Amino acid sequence: MENCCNKKTKRSADEKKLIINRLKRIGGQINGITKMVENDAYCNDLLVQLTAVKNSIKSLSSHILENHLYMCVPRELENGELDTIDELISLFKRFNQ
């Protein structure tokens, strides 16, 4: 968590809107699952919805990772920030779990 507090990523308004909309959609999915539990939904139905949320998060994570690789990493390397390589290795280890 050390890097998250010291670095920032400037995103375009369109990119912020895309990410925020997807996060709101995921939040809506979570709220729907909460209501399903409150209404005693069948376990199988809950698991299907939880898988949908997991896939939504994974898709958004992939999108953010792709943008990071195309935008942030080259800029940091050009600025001589070689710790970016270690950061990437750690990120890929986490991402592939």
PDB file of N, CA and C in Angstrom:
ATOM      1  N   MET A   1       0.814  -1.202   0.000  1.00  0.00           N
ATOM      2  CA  MET A   1       0.000   0.000   0.000  1.00  0.00           C
ATOM      3  C   MET A   1       0.848   1.253   0.000  1.00  0.00           C
ATOM      4  N   GLU A   2       2.164   1.097   0.142  1.00  0.00           N
ATOM      5  CA  GLU A   2       3.046   2.256   0.196  1.00  0.00           C
ATOM      6  C   GLU A   2       2.935   3.099  -1.070  1.00  0.00           C
ATOM      7  N   ASN A   3       2.944   2.466  -2.247  1.00  0.00           N
ATOM      8  CA  ASN A   3       2.921   3.206  -3.500  1.00  0.00           C
ATOM      9  C   ASN A   3       1.608   3.935  -3.736  1.00  0.00           C
ATOM     10  N   CYS A   4       0.502   3.387  -3.253  1.00  0.00           N
ATOM     11  CA  CYS A   4      -0.792   4.002  -3.530  1.00  0.00           C
ATOM     12  C   CYS A   4      -0.912   5.386  -2.902  1.00  0.00           C
ATOM     13  N   CYS A   5      -0.172   5.629  -1.876  1.00  0.00           N
ATOM     14  CA  CYS A   5      -0.298   6.907  -1.178  1.00  0.00           C
ATOM     15  C   CYS A   5       0.652   7.966  -1.717  1.00  0.00           C
ATOM     16  N   ASN A   6       1.700   7.543  -2.405  1.00  0.00           N
ATOM     17  CA  ASN A   6       2.720   8.480  -2.862  1.00  0.00           C
ATOM     18  C   ASN A   6       2.593   8.851  -4.338  1.00  0.00           C
ATOM     19  N   LYS A   7       1.902   8.054  -5.111  1.00  0.00           N
ATOM     20  CA  LYS A   7       1.791   8.300  -6.542  1.00  0.00           C
ATOM     21  C   LYS A   7       0.338   8.563  -6.901  1.00  0.00           C
ATOM     22  N   LYS A   8       0.159   9.285  -7.989  1.00  0.00           N
ATOM     23  CA  LYS A   8      -1.184   9.546  -8.500  1.00  0.00           C
ATOM     24  C   LYS A   8      -1.188   9.305 -10.003  1.00  0.00           C
ATOM     25  N   THR A   9      -2.363   8.980 -10.517  1.00  0.00           N
ATOM     26  CA  THR A   9      -2.547   8.793 -11.948  1.00  0.00           C
ATOM     27  C   THR A   9      -3.542   9.825 -12.440  1.00  0.00           C
ATOM     28  N   LYS A  10      -3.112  10.656 -13.354  1.00  0.00           N
ATOM     29  CA  LYS A  10      -4.016  11.625 -13.972  1.00  0.00           C
ATOM     30  C   LYS A  10      -4.813  10.896 -15.049  1.00  0.00           C
ATOM     31  N   ARG A  11      -6.138  10.894 -14.889  1.00  0.00           N
ATOM     32  CA  ARG A  11      -7.015  10.239 -15.846  1.00  0.00           C
ATOM     33  C   ARG A  11      -7.870  11.298 -16.532  1.00  0.00           C
ATOM     34  N   SER A  12      -8.213  11.016 -17.783  1.00  0.00           N
ATOM     35  CA  SER A  12      -9.106  11.920 -18.500  1.00  0.00           C
ATOM     36  C   SER A  12     -10.496  11.845 -17.874  1.00  0.00           C
ATOM     37  N   ALA A  13     -11.293  12.824 -18.164  1.00  0.00           N
ATOM     38  CA  ALA A  13     -12.668  12.834 -17.653  1.00  0.00           C
ATOM     39  C   ALA A  13     -13.429  11.613 -18.157  1.00  0.00           C
ATOM     40  N   ASP A  14     -13.207  11.248 -19.413  1.00  0.00           N
ATOM     41  CA  ASP A  14     -13.884  10.074 -19.971  1.00  0.00           C
ATOM     42  C   ASP A  14     -13.459   8.788 -19.263  1.00  0.00           C
ATOM     43  N   GLU A  15     -12.169   8.670 -18.978  1.00  0.00           N
ATOM     44  CA  GLU A  15     -11.662   7.475 -18.304  1.00  0.00           C
ATOM     45  C   GLU A  15     -12.217   7.390 -16.882  1.00  0.00           C
ATOM     46  N   LYS A  16     -12.235   8.522 -16.168  1.00  0.00           N
ATOM     47  CA  LYS A  16     -12.813   8.531 -14.822  1.00  0.00           C
ATOM     48  C   LYS A  16     -14.275   8.124 -14.861  1.00  0.00           C
ATOM     49  N   LYS A  17     -15.006   8.669 -15.828  1.00  0.00           N
ATOM     50  CA  LYS A  17     -16.429   8.360 -15.947  1.00  0.00           C
ATOM     51  C   LYS A  17     -16.639   6.872 -16.200  1.00  0.00           C
ATOM     52  N   LEU A  18     -15.825   6.295 -17.093  1.00  0.00           N
ATOM     53  CA  LEU A  18     -15.932   4.872 -17.403  1.00  0.00           C
ATOM     54  C   LEU A  18     -15.698   4.022 -16.155  1.00  0.00           C
ATOM     55  N   ILE A  19     -14.627   4.320 -15.426  1.00  0.00           N
ATOM     56  CA  ILE A  19     -14.290   3.542 -14.223  1.00  0.00           C
ATOM     57  C   ILE A  19     -15.363   3.715 -13.151  1.00  0.00           C
ATOM     58  N   ILE A  20     -15.796   4.939 -12.921  1.00  0.00           N
ATOM     59  CA  ILE A  20     -16.806   5.195 -11.898  1.00  0.00           C
ATOM     60  C   ILE A  20     -18.125   4.507 -12.247  1.00  0.00           C
ATOM     61  N   ASN A  21     -18.522   4.560 -13.515  1.00  0.00           N
ATOM     62  CA  ASN A  21     -19.758   3.890 -13.924  1.00  0.00           C
ATOM     63  C   ASN A  21     -19.676   2.386 -13.710  1.00  0.00           C
ATOM     64  N   ARG A  22     -18.535   1.813 -14.032  1.00  0.00           N
ATOM     65  CA  ARG A  22     -18.378   0.376 -13.832  1.00  0.00           C
ATOM     66  C   ARG A  22     -18.386   0.032 -12.347  1.00  0.00           C
ATOM     67  N   LEU A  23     -17.758   0.862 -11.520  1.00  0.00           N
ATOM     68  CA  LEU A  23     -17.784   0.627 -10.071  1.00  0.00           C
ATOM     69  C   LEU A  23     -19.202   0.754  -9.515  1.00  0.00           C
ATOM     70  N   LYS A  24     -19.964   1.710 -10.011  1.00  0.00           N
ATOM     71  CA  LYS A  24     -21.353   1.853  -9.573  1.00  0.00           C
ATOM     72  C   LYS A  24     -22.179   0.638  -9.980  1.00  0.00           C
ATOM     73  N   ARG A  25     -21.914   0.115 -11.175  1.00  0.00           N
ATOM     74  CA  ARG A  25     -22.617  -1.073 -11.630  1.00  0.00           C
ATOM     75  C   ARG A  25     -22.297  -2.263 -10.721  1.00  0.00           C
ATOM     76  N   ILE A  26     -21.015  -2.389 -10.360  1.00  0.00           N
ATOM     77  CA  ILE A  26     -20.606  -3.462  -9.445  1.00  0.00           C
ATOM     78  C   ILE A  26     -21.284  -3.277  -8.078  1.00  0.00           C
ATOM     79  N   GLY A  27     -21.340  -2.037  -7.611  1.00  0.00           N
ATOM     80  CA  GLY A  27     -22.031  -1.754  -6.354  1.00  0.00           C
ATOM     81  C   GLY A  27     -23.504  -2.146  -6.432  1.00  0.00           C
ATOM     82  N   GLY A  28     -24.114  -1.894  -7.576  1.00  0.00           N
ATOM     83  CA  GLY A  28     -25.509  -2.291  -7.781  1.00  0.00           C
ATOM     84  C   GLY A  28     -25.672  -3.798  -7.737  1.00  0.00           C
ATOM     85  N   GLN A  29     -24.696  -4.501  -8.336  1.00  0.00           N
ATOM     86  CA  GLN A  29     -24.737  -5.960  -8.289  1.00  0.00           C
ATOM     87  C   GLN A  29     -24.654  -6.449  -6.839  1.00  0.00           C
ATOM     88  N   ILE A  30     -23.764  -5.846  -6.063  1.00  0.00           N
ATOM     89  CA  ILE A  30     -23.608  -6.228  -4.655  1.00  0.00           C
ATOM     90  C   ILE A  30     -24.902  -5.965  -3.887  1.00  0.00           C
ATOM     91  N   ASN A  31     -25.506  -4.803  -4.122  1.00  0.00           N
ATOM     92  CA  ASN A  31     -26.772  -4.480  -3.453  1.00  0.00           C
ATOM     93  C   ASN A  31     -27.855  -5.486  -3.824  1.00  0.00           C
ATOM     94  N   GLY A  32     -27.863  -5.905  -5.082  1.00  0.00           N
ATOM     95  CA  GLY A  32     -28.829  -6.910  -5.522  1.00  0.00           C
ATOM     96  C   GLY A  32     -28.621  -8.232  -4.813  1.00  0.00           C
ATOM     97  N   ILE A  33     -27.376  -8.609  -4.630  1.00  0.00           N
ATOM     98  CA  ILE A  33     -27.070  -9.858  -3.928  1.00  0.00           C
ATOM     99  C   ILE A  33     -27.496  -9.758  -2.461  1.00  0.00           C
ATOM    100  N   THR A  34     -27.281  -8.605  -1.863  1.00  0.00           N
ATOM    101  CA  THR A  34     -27.712  -8.399  -0.476  1.00  0.00           C
ATOM    102  C   THR A  34     -29.217  -8.606  -0.363  1.00  0.00           C
ATOM    103  N   LYS A  35     -29.971  -8.055  -1.295  1.00  0.00           N
ATOM    104  CA  LYS A  35     -31.434  -8.227  -1.285  1.00  0.00           C
ATOM    105  C   LYS A  35     -31.810  -9.683  -1.497  1.00  0.00           C
ATOM    106  N   MET A  36     -31.052 -10.369  -2.338  1.00  0.00           N
ATOM    107  CA  MET A  36     -31.320 -11.791  -2.556  1.00  0.00           C
ATOM    108  C   MET A  36     -31.169 -12.571  -1.256  1.00  0.00           C
ATOM    109  N   VAL A  37     -30.125 -12.254  -0.491  1.00  0.00           N
ATOM    110  CA  VAL A  37     -29.906 -12.933   0.789  1.00  0.00           C
ATOM    111  C   VAL A  37     -31.052 -12.610   1.746  1.00  0.00           C
ATOM    112  N   GLU A  38     -31.436 -11.339   1.797  1.00  0.00           N
ATOM    113  CA  GLU A  38     -32.537 -10.928   2.676  1.00  0.00           C
ATOM    114  C   GLU A  38     -33.838 -11.651   2.315  1.00  0.00           C
ATOM    115  N   ASN A  39     -33.993 -11.986   1.030  1.00  0.00           N
ATOM    116  CA  ASN A  39     -35.205 -12.661   0.559  1.00  0.00           C
ATOM    117  C   ASN A  39     -35.029 -14.175   0.455  1.00  0.00           C
ATOM    118  N   ASP A  40     -33.983 -14.694   1.095  1.00  0.00           N
ATOM    119  CA  ASP A  40     -33.737 -16.135   1.141  1.00  0.00           C
ATOM    120  C   ASP A  40     -33.587 -16.777  -0.236  1.00  0.00           C
ATOM    121  N   ALA A  41     -32.849 -16.111  -1.106  1.00  0.00           N
ATOM    122  CA  ALA A  41     -32.622 -16.669  -2.447  1.00  0.00           C
ATOM    123  C   ALA A  41     -31.858 -17.982  -2.363  1.00  0.00           C
ATOM    124  N   TYR A  42     -32.083 -18.804  -3.348  1.00  0.00           N
ATOM    125  CA  TYR A  42     -31.441 -20.115  -3.447  1.00  0.00           C
ATOM    126  C   TYR A  42     -29.926 -19.935  -3.597  1.00  0.00           C
ATOM    127  N   CYS A  43     -29.170 -20.814  -2.930  1.00  0.00           N
ATOM    128  CA  CYS A  43     -27.700 -20.722  -2.923  1.00  0.00           C
ATOM    129  C   CYS A  43     -27.124 -20.652  -4.334  1.00  0.00           C
ATOM    130  N   ASN A  44     -27.621 -21.473  -5.220  1.00  0.00           N
ATOM    131  CA  ASN A  44     -27.119 -21.495  -6.587  1.00  0.00           C
ATOM    132  C   ASN A  44     -27.264 -20.123  -7.251  1.00  0.00           C
ATOM    133  N   ASP A  45     -28.405 -19.490  -7.031  1.00  0.00           N
ATOM    134  CA  ASP A  45     -28.636 -18.169  -7.616  1.00  0.00           C
ATOM    135  C   ASP A  45     -27.665 -17.136  -7.046  1.00  0.00           C
ATOM    136  N   LEU A  46     -27.395 -17.224  -5.745  1.00  0.00           N
ATOM    137  CA  LEU A  46     -26.414 -16.321  -5.129  1.00  0.00           C
ATOM    138  C   LEU A  46     -25.027 -16.538  -5.735  1.00  0.00           C
ATOM    139  N   LEU A  47     -24.658 -17.786  -5.879  1.00  0.00           N
ATOM    140  CA  LEU A  47     -23.326 -18.092  -6.423  1.00  0.00           C
ATOM    141  C   LEU A  47     -23.176 -17.601  -7.854  1.00  0.00           C
ATOM    142  N   VAL A  48     -24.224 -17.704  -8.638  1.00  0.00           N
ATOM    143  CA  VAL A  48     -24.183 -17.191 -10.008  1.00  0.00           C
ATOM    144  C   VAL A  48     -23.951 -15.681  -9.988  1.00  0.00           C
ATOM    145  N   GLN A  49     -24.657 -14.977  -9.121  1.00  0.00           N
ATOM    146  CA  GLN A  49     -24.502 -13.525  -9.048  1.00  0.00           C
ATOM    147  C   GLN A  49     -23.135 -13.126  -8.491  1.00  0.00           C
ATOM    148  N   LEU A  50     -22.626 -13.878  -7.529  1.00  0.00           N
ATOM    149  CA  LEU A  50     -21.295 -13.597  -6.995  1.00  0.00           C
ATOM    150  C   LEU A  50     -20.221 -13.799  -8.070  1.00  0.00           C
ATOM    151  N   THR A  51     -20.399 -14.802  -8.902  1.00  0.00           N
ATOM    152  CA  THR A  51     -19.469 -15.022 -10.008  1.00  0.00           C
ATOM    153  C   THR A  51     -19.530 -13.866 -10.993  1.00  0.00           C
ATOM    154  N   ALA A  52     -20.721 -13.349 -11.233  1.00  0.00           N
ATOM    155  CA  ALA A  52     -20.867 -12.194 -12.130  1.00  0.00           C
ATOM    156  C   ALA A  52     -20.110 -10.989 -11.578  1.00  0.00           C
ATOM    157  N   VAL A  53     -20.200 -10.767 -10.262  1.00  0.00           N
ATOM    158  CA  VAL A  53     -19.483  -9.653  -9.630  1.00  0.00           C
ATOM    159  C   VAL A  53     -17.976  -9.873  -9.760  1.00  0.00           C
ATOM    160  N   LYS A  54     -17.537 -11.090  -9.478  1.00  0.00           N
ATOM    161  CA  LYS A  54     -16.108 -11.400  -9.589  1.00  0.00           C
ATOM    162  C   LYS A  54     -15.614 -11.130 -11.002  1.00  0.00           C
ATOM    163  N   ASN A  55     -16.388 -11.519 -12.005  1.00  0.00           N
ATOM    164  CA  ASN A  55     -15.991 -11.285 -13.393  1.00  0.00           C
ATOM    165  C   ASN A  55     -15.995  -9.802 -13.743  1.00  0.00           C
ATOM    166  N   SER A  56     -16.942  -9.059 -13.196  1.00  0.00           N
ATOM    167  CA  SER A  56     -16.979  -7.610 -13.427  1.00  0.00           C
ATOM    168  C   SER A  56     -15.742  -6.935 -12.837  1.00  0.00           C
ATOM    169  N   ILE A  57     -15.377  -7.340 -11.636  1.00  0.00           N
ATOM    170  CA  ILE A  57     -14.192  -6.769 -10.993  1.00  0.00           C
ATOM    171  C   ILE A  57     -12.933  -7.150 -11.764  1.00  0.00           C
ATOM    172  N   LYS A  58     -12.860  -8.390 -12.191  1.00  0.00           N
ATOM    173  CA  LYS A  58     -11.690  -8.839 -12.947  1.00  0.00           C
ATOM    174  C   LYS A  58     -11.562  -8.072 -14.265  1.00  0.00           C
ATOM    175  N   SER A  59     -12.676  -7.845 -14.925  1.00  0.00           N
ATOM    176  CA  SER A  59     -12.665  -7.094 -16.178  1.00  0.00           C
ATOM    177  C   SER A  59     -12.202  -5.652 -15.957  1.00  0.00           C
ATOM    178  N   LEU A  60     -12.706  -5.014 -14.911  1.00  0.00           N
ATOM    179  CA  LEU A  60     -12.288  -3.648 -14.600  1.00  0.00           C
ATOM    180  C   LEU A  60     -10.810  -3.611 -14.210  1.00  0.00           C
ATOM    181  N   SER A  61     -10.376  -4.589 -13.443  1.00  0.00           N
ATOM    182  CA  SER A  61      -8.960  -4.666 -13.068  1.00  0.00           C
ATOM    183  C   SER A  61      -8.076  -4.786 -14.301  1.00  0.00           C
ATOM    184  N   SER A  62      -8.496  -5.601 -15.243  1.00  0.00           N
ATOM    185  CA  SER A  62      -7.726  -5.763 -16.483  1.00  0.00           C
ATOM    186  C   SER A  62      -7.648  -4.460 -17.264  1.00  0.00           C
ATOM    187  N   HIS A  63      -8.744  -3.752 -17.299  1.00  0.00           N
ATOM    188  CA  HIS A  63      -8.773  -2.455 -17.996  1.00  0.00           C
ATOM    189  C   HIS A  63      -7.799  -1.473 -17.349  1.00  0.00           C
ATOM    190  N   ILE A  64      -7.835  -1.394 -16.029  1.00  0.00           N
ATOM    191  CA  ILE A  64      -6.945  -0.470 -15.319  1.00  0.00           C
ATOM    192  C   ILE A  64      -5.487  -0.899 -15.477  1.00  0.00           C
ATOM    193  N   LEU A  65      -5.226  -2.203 -15.423  1.00  0.00           N
ATOM    194  CA  LEU A  65      -3.863  -2.698 -15.614  1.00  0.00           C
ATOM    195  C   LEU A  65      -3.349  -2.352 -17.004  1.00  0.00           C
ATOM    196  N   GLU A  66      -4.172  -2.537 -18.014  1.00  0.00           N
ATOM    197  CA  GLU A  66      -3.775  -2.217 -19.383  1.00  0.00           C
ATOM    198  C   GLU A  66      -3.415  -0.733 -19.508  1.00  0.00           C
ATOM    199  N   ASN A  67      -4.254   0.124 -18.951  1.00  0.00           N
ATOM    200  CA  ASN A  67      -3.959   1.559 -18.982  1.00  0.00           C
ATOM    201  C   ASN A  67      -2.669   1.873 -18.233  1.00  0.00           C
ATOM    202  N   HIS A  68      -2.456   1.190 -17.127  1.00  0.00           N
ATOM    203  CA  HIS A  68      -1.233   1.397 -16.343  1.00  0.00           C
ATOM    204  C   HIS A  68       0.003   1.042 -17.177  1.00  0.00           C
ATOM    205  N   LEU A  69      -0.092  -0.082 -17.880  1.00  0.00           N
ATOM    206  CA  LEU A  69       1.051  -0.531 -18.689  1.00  0.00           C
ATOM    207  C   LEU A  69       1.334   0.399 -19.866  1.00  0.00           C
ATOM    208  N   TYR A  70       0.298   0.960 -20.437  1.00  0.00           N
ATOM    209  CA  TYR A  70       0.485   1.850 -21.586  1.00  0.00           C
ATOM    210  C   TYR A  70       0.829   3.289 -21.206  1.00  0.00           C
ATOM    211  N   MET A  71       0.332   3.740 -20.058  1.00  0.00           N
ATOM    212  CA  MET A  71       0.492   5.151 -19.722  1.00  0.00           C
ATOM    213  C   MET A  71       1.478   5.398 -18.581  1.00  0.00           C
ATOM    214  N   CYS A  72       1.258   4.786 -17.459  1.00  0.00           N
ATOM    215  CA  CYS A  72       2.051   5.090 -16.261  1.00  0.00           C
ATOM    216  C   CYS A  72       3.461   4.518 -16.332  1.00  0.00           C
ATOM    217  N   VAL A  73       3.562   3.247 -16.694  1.00  0.00           N
ATOM    218  CA  VAL A  73       4.863   2.577 -16.673  1.00  0.00           C
ATOM    219  C   VAL A  73       5.874   3.247 -17.601  1.00  0.00           C
ATOM    220  N   PRO A  74       5.532   3.509 -18.863  1.00  0.00           N
ATOM    221  CA  PRO A  74       6.534   4.167 -19.719  1.00  0.00           C
ATOM    222  C   PRO A  74       6.987   5.523 -19.179  1.00  0.00           C
ATOM    223  N   ARG A  75       6.035   6.294 -18.653  1.00  0.00           N
ATOM    224  CA  ARG A  75       6.377   7.613 -18.102  1.00  0.00           C
ATOM    225  C   ARG A  75       7.334   7.475 -16.925  1.00  0.00           C
ATOM    226  N   GLU A  76       7.051   6.529 -16.037  1.00  0.00           N
ATOM    227  CA  GLU A  76       7.897   6.340 -14.862  1.00  0.00           C
ATOM    228  C   GLU A  76       9.293   5.854 -15.255  1.00  0.00           C
ATOM    229  N   LEU A  77       9.367   4.940 -16.208  1.00  0.00           N
ATOM    230  CA  LEU A  77      10.669   4.449 -16.658  1.00  0.00           C
ATOM    231  C   LEU A  77      11.480   5.555 -17.331  1.00  0.00           C
ATOM    232  N   GLU A  78      10.804   6.391 -18.118  1.00  0.00           N
ATOM    233  CA  GLU A  78      11.482   7.521 -18.759  1.00  0.00           C
ATOM    234  C   GLU A  78      12.028   8.495 -17.711  1.00  0.00           C
ATOM    235  N   ASN A  79      11.367   8.566 -16.578  1.00  0.00           N
ATOM    236  CA  ASN A  79      11.811   9.444 -15.488  1.00  0.00           C
ATOM    237  C   ASN A  79      12.836   8.768 -14.587  1.00  0.00           C
ATOM    238  N   GLY A  80      13.271   7.569 -14.987  1.00  0.00           N
ATOM    239  CA  GLY A  80      14.301   6.868 -14.236  1.00  0.00           C
ATOM    240  C   GLY A  80      13.813   6.155 -12.992  1.00  0.00           C
ATOM    241  N   GLU A  81      12.520   5.980 -12.865  1.00  0.00           N
ATOM    242  CA  GLU A  81      11.952   5.317 -11.695  1.00  0.00           C
ATOM    243  C   GLU A  81      11.981   3.800 -11.910  1.00  0.00           C
ATOM    244  N   LEU A  82      13.142   3.198 -11.680  1.00  0.00           N
ATOM    245  CA  LEU A  82      13.318   1.772 -11.935  1.00  0.00           C
ATOM    246  C   LEU A  82      12.596   0.890 -10.924  1.00  0.00           C
ATOM    247  N   ASP A  83      12.184   1.456  -9.791  1.00  0.00           N
ATOM    248  CA  ASP A  83      11.390   0.684  -8.838  1.00  0.00           C
ATOM    249  C   ASP A  83      10.044   0.286  -9.427  1.00  0.00           C
ATOM    250  N   THR A  84       9.695   0.893 -10.545  1.00  0.00           N
ATOM    251  CA  THR A  84       8.471   0.545 -11.258  1.00  0.00           C
ATOM    252  C   THR A  84       8.492  -0.914 -11.696  1.00  0.00           C
ATOM    253  N   ILE A  85       9.657  -1.419 -12.028  1.00  0.00           N
ATOM    254  CA  ILE A  85       9.775  -2.820 -12.434  1.00  0.00           C
ATOM    255  C   ILE A  85       9.414  -3.732 -11.268  1.00  0.00           C
ATOM    256  N   ASP A  86       9.935  -3.445 -10.080  1.00  0.00           N
ATOM    257  CA  ASP A  86       9.586  -4.236  -8.900  1.00  0.00           C
ATOM    258  C   ASP A  86       8.091  -4.135  -8.594  1.00  0.00           C
ATOM    259  N   GLU A  87       7.562  -2.937  -8.768  1.00  0.00           N
ATOM    260  CA  GLU A  87       6.134  -2.719  -8.548  1.00  0.00           C
ATOM    261  C   GLU A  87       5.310  -3.586  -9.508  1.00  0.00           C
ATOM    262  N   LEU A  88       5.731  -3.644 -10.768  1.00  0.00           N
ATOM    263  CA  LEU A  88       5.027  -4.451 -11.761  1.00  0.00           C
ATOM    264  C   LEU A  88       5.092  -5.936 -11.436  1.00  0.00           C
ATOM    265  N   ILE A  89       6.258  -6.396 -11.031  1.00  0.00           N
ATOM    266  CA  ILE A  89       6.403  -7.804 -10.666  1.00  0.00           C
ATOM    267  C   ILE A  89       5.452  -8.148  -9.532  1.00  0.00           C
ATOM    268  N   SER A  90       5.407  -7.308  -8.521  1.00  0.00           N
ATOM    269  CA  SER A  90       4.508  -7.524  -7.390  1.00  0.00           C
ATOM    270  C   SER A  90       3.040  -7.493  -7.848  1.00  0.00           C
ATOM    271  N   LEU A  91       2.729  -6.568  -8.725  1.00  0.00           N
ATOM    272  CA  LEU A  91       1.370  -6.431  -9.235  1.00  0.00           C
ATOM    273  C   LEU A  91       0.948  -7.684  -9.984  1.00  0.00           C
ATOM    274  N   PHE A  92       1.817  -8.190 -10.854  1.00  0.00           N
ATOM    275  CA  PHE A  92       1.474  -9.391 -11.624  1.00  0.00           C
ATOM    276  C   PHE A  92       1.345 -10.602 -10.713  1.00  0.00           C
ATOM    277  N   LYS A  93       2.153 -10.690  -9.679  1.00  0.00           N
ATOM    278  CA  LYS A  93       2.013 -11.798  -8.741  1.00  0.00           C
ATOM    279  C   LYS A  93       0.649 -11.758  -8.052  1.00  0.00           C
ATOM    280  N   ARG A  94       0.223 -10.581  -7.654  1.00  0.00           N
ATOM    281  CA  ARG A  94      -1.090 -10.421  -7.016  1.00  0.00           C
ATOM    282  C   ARG A  94      -2.223 -10.684  -7.995  1.00  0.00           C
ATOM    283  N   PHE A  95      -2.057 -10.162  -9.192  1.00  0.00           N
ATOM    284  CA  PHE A  95      -3.099 -10.229 -10.207  1.00  0.00           C
ATOM    285  C   PHE A  95      -3.344 -11.666 -10.646  1.00  0.00           C
ATOM    286  N   ASN A  96      -2.333 -12.494 -10.605  1.00  0.00           N
ATOM    287  CA  ASN A  96      -2.444 -13.865 -11.079  1.00  0.00           C
ATOM    288  C   ASN A  96      -2.795 -14.871 -10.003  1.00  0.00           C
ATOM    289  N   GLN A  97      -3.174 -14.419  -8.838  1.00  0.00           N
ATOM    290  CA  GLN A  97      -3.552 -15.349  -7.768  1.00  0.00           C
ATOM    291  C   GLN A  97      -4.957 -15.834  -7.945  1.00  0.00           C
TER     292      GLN A  97
END
